[in-house]
Amino acid sequence: MATKVTTKKPLKGNRRSHALNKTKRAQKPNLQKKTIDGEKIITSAREARTFRKEEK
């Protein structure tokens, strides 16, 4: 089982149509499963990019 590293949560707001109707929506973070040092983790795509940079 992969451990969750990131603390990112969905952003919440309203979706607005041209008629100005409001409905609730959520922008979910881009979570990825990665293996680092033989350990599976769940992290955001931006954090995974940072991990790749640190490995070099």
PDB file of N, CA and C in Angstrom:
ATOM      1  N   MET A   1       0.841  -1.184   0.000  1.00  0.00           N
ATOM      2  CA  MET A   1       0.000   0.000   0.000  1.00  0.00           C
ATOM      3  C   MET A   1       0.884   1.244   0.000  1.00  0.00           C
ATOM      4  N   ALA A   2       0.517   2.197  -0.802  1.00  0.00           N
ATOM      5  CA  ALA A   2       1.287   3.429  -0.920  1.00  0.00           C
ATOM      6  C   ALA A   2       0.925   4.383   0.216  1.00  0.00           C
ATOM      7  N   THR A   3       1.926   5.063   0.740  1.00  0.00           N
ATOM      8  CA  THR A   3       1.672   6.045   1.791  1.00  0.00           C
ATOM      9  C   THR A   3       1.487   7.413   1.151  1.00  0.00           C
ATOM     10  N   LYS A   4       0.591   8.192   1.719  1.00  0.00           N
ATOM     11  CA  LYS A   4       0.288   9.510   1.181  1.00  0.00           C
ATOM     12  C   LYS A   4       1.261  10.519   1.768  1.00  0.00           C
ATOM     13  N   VAL A   5       1.978  11.225   0.901  1.00  0.00           N
ATOM     14  CA  VAL A   5       2.980  12.189   1.348  1.00  0.00           C
ATOM     15  C   VAL A   5       2.412  13.598   1.320  1.00  0.00           C
ATOM     16  N   THR A   6       1.626  13.890   0.338  1.00  0.00           N
ATOM     17  CA  THR A   6       1.138  15.250   0.151  1.00  0.00           C
ATOM     18  C   THR A   6      -0.021  15.568   1.091  1.00  0.00           C
ATOM     19  N   THR A   7      -0.209  16.852   1.351  1.00  0.00           N
ATOM     20  CA  THR A   7      -1.333  17.302   2.184  1.00  0.00           C
ATOM     21  C   THR A   7      -2.319  18.110   1.354  1.00  0.00           C
ATOM     22  N   LYS A   8      -2.150  18.071   0.032  1.00  0.00           N
ATOM     23  CA  LYS A   8      -3.030  18.857  -0.832  1.00  0.00           C
ATOM     24  C   LYS A   8      -4.444  18.308  -0.807  1.00  0.00           C
ATOM     25  N   LYS A   9      -5.422  19.220  -0.837  1.00  0.00           N
ATOM     26  CA  LYS A   9      -6.837  18.857  -0.835  1.00  0.00           C
ATOM     27  C   LYS A   9      -7.513  19.592  -1.994  1.00  0.00           C
ATOM     28  N   PRO A  10      -8.693  19.141  -2.387  1.00  0.00           N
ATOM     29  CA  PRO A  10      -9.379  19.819  -3.490  1.00  0.00           C
ATOM     30  C   PRO A  10      -9.735  21.266  -3.157  1.00  0.00           C
ATOM     31  N   LEU A  11      -9.598  22.149  -4.160  1.00  0.00           N
ATOM     32  CA  LEU A  11     -10.083  23.518  -4.038  1.00  0.00           C
ATOM     33  C   LEU A  11     -11.576  23.501  -4.300  1.00  0.00           C
ATOM     34  N   LYS A  12     -12.337  24.274  -3.543  1.00  0.00           N
ATOM     35  CA  LYS A  12     -13.784  24.285  -3.721  1.00  0.00           C
ATOM     36  C   LYS A  12     -14.223  25.669  -4.143  1.00  0.00           C
ATOM     37  N   GLY A  13     -15.223  25.695  -5.002  1.00  0.00           N
ATOM     38  CA  GLY A  13     -15.742  26.963  -5.482  1.00  0.00           C
ATOM     39  C   GLY A  13     -17.028  26.740  -6.236  1.00  0.00           C
ATOM     40  N   ASN A  14     -17.416  27.718  -7.023  1.00  0.00           N
ATOM     41  CA  ASN A  14     -18.645  27.635  -7.797  1.00  0.00           C
ATOM     42  C   ASN A  14     -18.325  27.587  -9.281  1.00  0.00           C
ATOM     43  N   ARG A  15     -19.105  26.803 -10.014  1.00  0.00           N
ATOM     44  CA  ARG A  15     -19.050  26.790 -11.471  1.00  0.00           C
ATOM     45  C   ARG A  15     -20.130  27.773 -11.932  1.00  0.00           C
ATOM     46  N   ARG A  16     -19.757  28.731 -12.788  1.00  0.00           N
ATOM     47  CA  ARG A  16     -20.720  29.739 -13.231  1.00  0.00           C
ATOM     48  C   ARG A  16     -20.985  29.574 -14.721  1.00  0.00           C
ATOM     49  N   SER A  17     -22.243  29.520 -15.085  1.00  0.00           N
ATOM     50  CA  SER A  17     -22.618  29.440 -16.493  1.00  0.00           C
ATOM     51  C   SER A  17     -22.810  30.848 -17.053  1.00  0.00           C
ATOM     52  N   HIS A  18     -23.082  30.918 -18.357  1.00  0.00           N
ATOM     53  CA  HIS A  18     -23.354  32.227 -18.966  1.00  0.00           C
ATOM     54  C   HIS A  18     -24.611  32.849 -18.379  1.00  0.00           C
ATOM     55  N   ALA A  19     -25.542  32.008 -17.914  1.00  0.00           N
ATOM     56  CA  ALA A  19     -26.763  32.502 -17.293  1.00  0.00           C
ATOM     57  C   ALA A  19     -26.540  32.809 -15.810  1.00  0.00           C
ATOM     58  N   LEU A  20     -25.291  32.724 -15.371  1.00  0.00           N
ATOM     59  CA  LEU A  20     -24.877  33.007 -13.995  1.00  0.00           C
ATOM     60  C   LEU A  20     -25.482  32.034 -12.979  1.00  0.00           C
ATOM     61  N   ASN A  21     -25.771  30.806 -13.416  1.00  0.00           N
ATOM     62  CA  ASN A  21     -26.173  29.774 -12.464  1.00  0.00           C
ATOM     63  C   ASN A  21     -24.951  29.370 -11.653  1.00  0.00           C
ATOM     64  N   LYS A  22     -25.164  29.079 -10.362  1.00  0.00           N
ATOM     65  CA  LYS A  22     -24.068  28.649  -9.497  1.00  0.00           C
ATOM     66  C   LYS A  22     -24.260  27.189  -9.132  1.00  0.00           C
ATOM     67  N   THR A  23     -23.230  26.374  -9.312  1.00  0.00           N
ATOM     68  CA  THR A  23     -23.222  25.004  -8.793  1.00  0.00           C
ATOM     69  C   THR A  23     -21.854  24.761  -8.187  1.00  0.00           C
ATOM     70  N   LYS A  24     -21.839  23.987  -7.113  1.00  0.00           N
ATOM     71  CA  LYS A  24     -20.579  23.710  -6.429  1.00  0.00           C
ATOM     72  C   LYS A  24     -19.684  22.834  -7.298  1.00  0.00           C
ATOM     73  N   ARG A  25     -18.371  23.075  -7.232  1.00  0.00           N
ATOM     74  CA  ARG A  25     -17.402  22.279  -7.967  1.00  0.00           C
ATOM     75  C   ARG A  25     -16.153  22.124  -7.121  1.00  0.00           C
ATOM     76  N   ALA A  26     -15.313  21.158  -7.490  1.00  0.00           N
ATOM     77  CA  ALA A  26     -14.048  20.941  -6.801  1.00  0.00           C
ATOM     78  C   ALA A  26     -12.951  20.735  -7.835  1.00  0.00           C
ATOM     79  N   GLN A  27     -11.813  21.402  -7.649  1.00  0.00           N
ATOM     80  CA  GLN A  27     -10.640  21.184  -8.488  1.00  0.00           C
ATOM     81  C   GLN A  27      -9.731  20.249  -7.714  1.00  0.00           C
ATOM     82  N   LYS A  28      -9.599  19.017  -8.190  1.00  0.00           N
ATOM     83  CA  LYS A  28      -8.827  18.021  -7.467  1.00  0.00           C
ATOM     84  C   LYS A  28      -7.345  18.127  -7.812  1.00  0.00           C
ATOM     85  N   PRO A  29      -6.457  17.871  -6.836  1.00  0.00           N
ATOM     86  CA  PRO A  29      -5.020  17.909  -7.131  1.00  0.00           C
ATOM     87  C   PRO A  29      -4.609  16.747  -8.016  1.00  0.00           C
ATOM     88  N   ASN A  30      -3.521  16.923  -8.750  1.00  0.00           N
ATOM     89  CA  ASN A  30      -3.013  15.915  -9.672  1.00  0.00           C
ATOM     90  C   ASN A  30      -2.137  14.939  -8.881  1.00  0.00           C
ATOM     91  N   LEU A  31      -2.759  13.910  -8.275  1.00  0.00           N
ATOM     92  CA  LEU A  31      -2.033  12.956  -7.447  1.00  0.00           C
ATOM     93  C   LEU A  31      -1.506  11.806  -8.291  1.00  0.00           C
ATOM     94  N   GLN A  32      -0.264  11.420  -8.037  1.00  0.00           N
ATOM     95  CA  GLN A  32       0.415  10.363  -8.785  1.00  0.00           C
ATOM     96  C   GLN A  32       0.989   9.352  -7.818  1.00  0.00           C
ATOM     97  N   LYS A  33       1.056   8.087  -8.258  1.00  0.00           N
ATOM     98  CA  LYS A  33       1.743   7.060  -7.480  1.00  0.00           C
ATOM     99  C   LYS A  33       3.163   6.939  -8.010  1.00  0.00           C
ATOM    100  N   LYS A  34       4.145   7.084  -7.136  1.00  0.00           N
ATOM    101  CA  LYS A  34       5.546   7.029  -7.521  1.00  0.00           C
ATOM    102  C   LYS A  34       6.280   6.072  -6.597  1.00  0.00           C
ATOM    103  N   THR A  35       7.349   5.473  -7.097  1.00  0.00           N
ATOM    104  CA  THR A  35       8.213   4.641  -6.281  1.00  0.00           C
ATOM    105  C   THR A  35       9.541   5.364  -6.116  1.00  0.00           C
ATOM    106  N   ILE A  36       9.883   5.672  -4.867  1.00  0.00           N
ATOM    107  CA  ILE A  36      11.129   6.360  -4.564  1.00  0.00           C
ATOM    108  C   ILE A  36      11.865   5.536  -3.515  1.00  0.00           C
ATOM    109  N   ASP A  37      13.072   5.137  -3.828  1.00  0.00           N
ATOM    110  CA  ASP A  37      13.900   4.310  -2.939  1.00  0.00           C
ATOM    111  C   ASP A  37      13.175   3.024  -2.549  1.00  0.00           C
ATOM    112  N   GLY A  38      12.429   2.432  -3.485  1.00  0.00           N
ATOM    113  CA  GLY A  38      11.732   1.177  -3.241  1.00  0.00           C
ATOM    114  C   GLY A  38      10.465   1.312  -2.425  1.00  0.00           C
ATOM    115  N   GLU A  39      10.052   2.535  -2.122  1.00  0.00           N
ATOM    116  CA  GLU A  39       8.842   2.766  -1.334  1.00  0.00           C
ATOM    117  C   GLU A  39       7.808   3.465  -2.201  1.00  0.00           C
ATOM    118  N   LYS A  40       6.582   2.938  -2.236  1.00  0.00           N
ATOM    119  CA  LYS A  40       5.528   3.548  -3.036  1.00  0.00           C
ATOM    120  C   LYS A  40       4.883   4.678  -2.241  1.00  0.00           C
ATOM    121  N   ILE A  41       4.775   5.834  -2.892  1.00  0.00           N
ATOM    122  CA  ILE A  41       4.148   6.987  -2.253  1.00  0.00           C
ATOM    123  C   ILE A  41       3.124   7.595  -3.191  1.00  0.00           C
ATOM    124  N   ILE A  42       2.184   8.322  -2.623  1.00  0.00           N
ATOM    125  CA  ILE A  42       1.210   9.090  -3.400  1.00  0.00           C
ATOM    126  C   ILE A  42       1.546  10.556  -3.175  1.00  0.00           C
ATOM    127  N   THR A  43       1.832  11.246  -4.249  1.00  0.00           N
ATOM    128  CA  THR A  43       2.251  12.638  -4.156  1.00  0.00           C
ATOM    129  C   THR A  43       1.658  13.423  -5.317  1.00  0.00           C
ATOM    130  N   SER A  44       1.716  14.736  -5.225  1.00  0.00           N
ATOM    131  CA  SER A  44       1.236  15.558  -6.329  1.00  0.00           C
ATOM    132  C   SER A  44       2.290  15.563  -7.427  1.00  0.00           C
ATOM    133  N   ALA A  45       1.888  15.903  -8.627  1.00  0.00           N
ATOM    134  CA  ALA A  45       2.796  15.912  -9.768  1.00  0.00           C
ATOM    135  C   ALA A  45       3.917  16.924  -9.554  1.00  0.00           C
ATOM    136  N   ARG A  46       3.620  18.038  -8.951  1.00  0.00           N
ATOM    137  CA  ARG A  46       4.641  19.064  -8.713  1.00  0.00           C
ATOM    138  C   ARG A  46       5.670  18.564  -7.706  1.00  0.00           C
ATOM    139  N   GLU A  47       5.226  17.890  -6.643  1.00  0.00           N
ATOM    140  CA  GLU A  47       6.160  17.351  -5.654  1.00  0.00           C
ATOM    141  C   GLU A  47       6.999  16.228  -6.255  1.00  0.00           C
ATOM    142  N   ALA A  48       6.394  15.415  -7.143  1.00  0.00           N
ATOM    143  CA  ALA A  48       7.134  14.342  -7.798  1.00  0.00           C
ATOM    144  C   ALA A  48       8.253  14.930  -8.650  1.00  0.00           C
ATOM    145  N   ARG A  49       8.007  16.056  -9.274  1.00  0.00           N
ATOM    146  CA  ARG A  49       9.021  16.738 -10.079  1.00  0.00           C
ATOM    147  C   ARG A  49      10.175  17.194  -9.191  1.00  0.00           C
ATOM    148  N   THR A  50       9.849  17.698  -8.004  1.00  0.00           N
ATOM    149  CA  THR A  50      10.878  18.128  -7.057  1.00  0.00           C
ATOM    150  C   THR A  50      11.720  16.941  -6.612  1.00  0.00           C
ATOM    151  N   PHE A  51      11.086  15.779  -6.356  1.00  0.00           N
ATOM    152  CA  PHE A  51      11.825  14.586  -5.971  1.00  0.00           C
ATOM    153  C   PHE A  51      12.808  14.171  -7.071  1.00  0.00           C
ATOM    154  N   ARG A  52      12.370  14.264  -8.328  1.00  0.00           N
ATOM    155  CA  ARG A  52      13.255  13.918  -9.444  1.00  0.00           C
ATOM    156  C   ARG A  52      14.461  14.845  -9.480  1.00  0.00           C
ATOM    157  N   LYS A  53      14.247  16.138  -9.208  1.00  0.00           N
ATOM    158  CA  LYS A  53      15.349  17.095  -9.225  1.00  0.00           C
ATOM    159  C   LYS A  53      16.339  16.816  -8.103  1.00  0.00           C
ATOM    160  N   GLU A  54      15.833  16.369  -6.944  1.00  0.00           N
ATOM    161  CA  GLU A  54      16.709  16.104  -5.793  1.00  0.00           C
ATOM    162  C   GLU A  54      17.545  14.852  -6.022  1.00  0.00           C
ATOM    163  N   GLU A  55      17.048  13.901  -6.822  1.00  0.00           N
ATOM    164  CA  GLU A  55      17.780  12.675  -7.070  1.00  0.00           C
ATOM    165  C   GLU A  55      19.051  12.919  -7.883  1.00  0.00           C
ATOM    166  N   LYS A  56      19.032  13.946  -8.730  1.00  0.00           N
ATOM    167  CA  LYS A  56      20.180  14.208  -9.608  1.00  0.00           C
ATOM    168  C   LYS A  56      21.348  14.812  -8.869  1.00  0.00           C
TER     169      LYS A  56
END
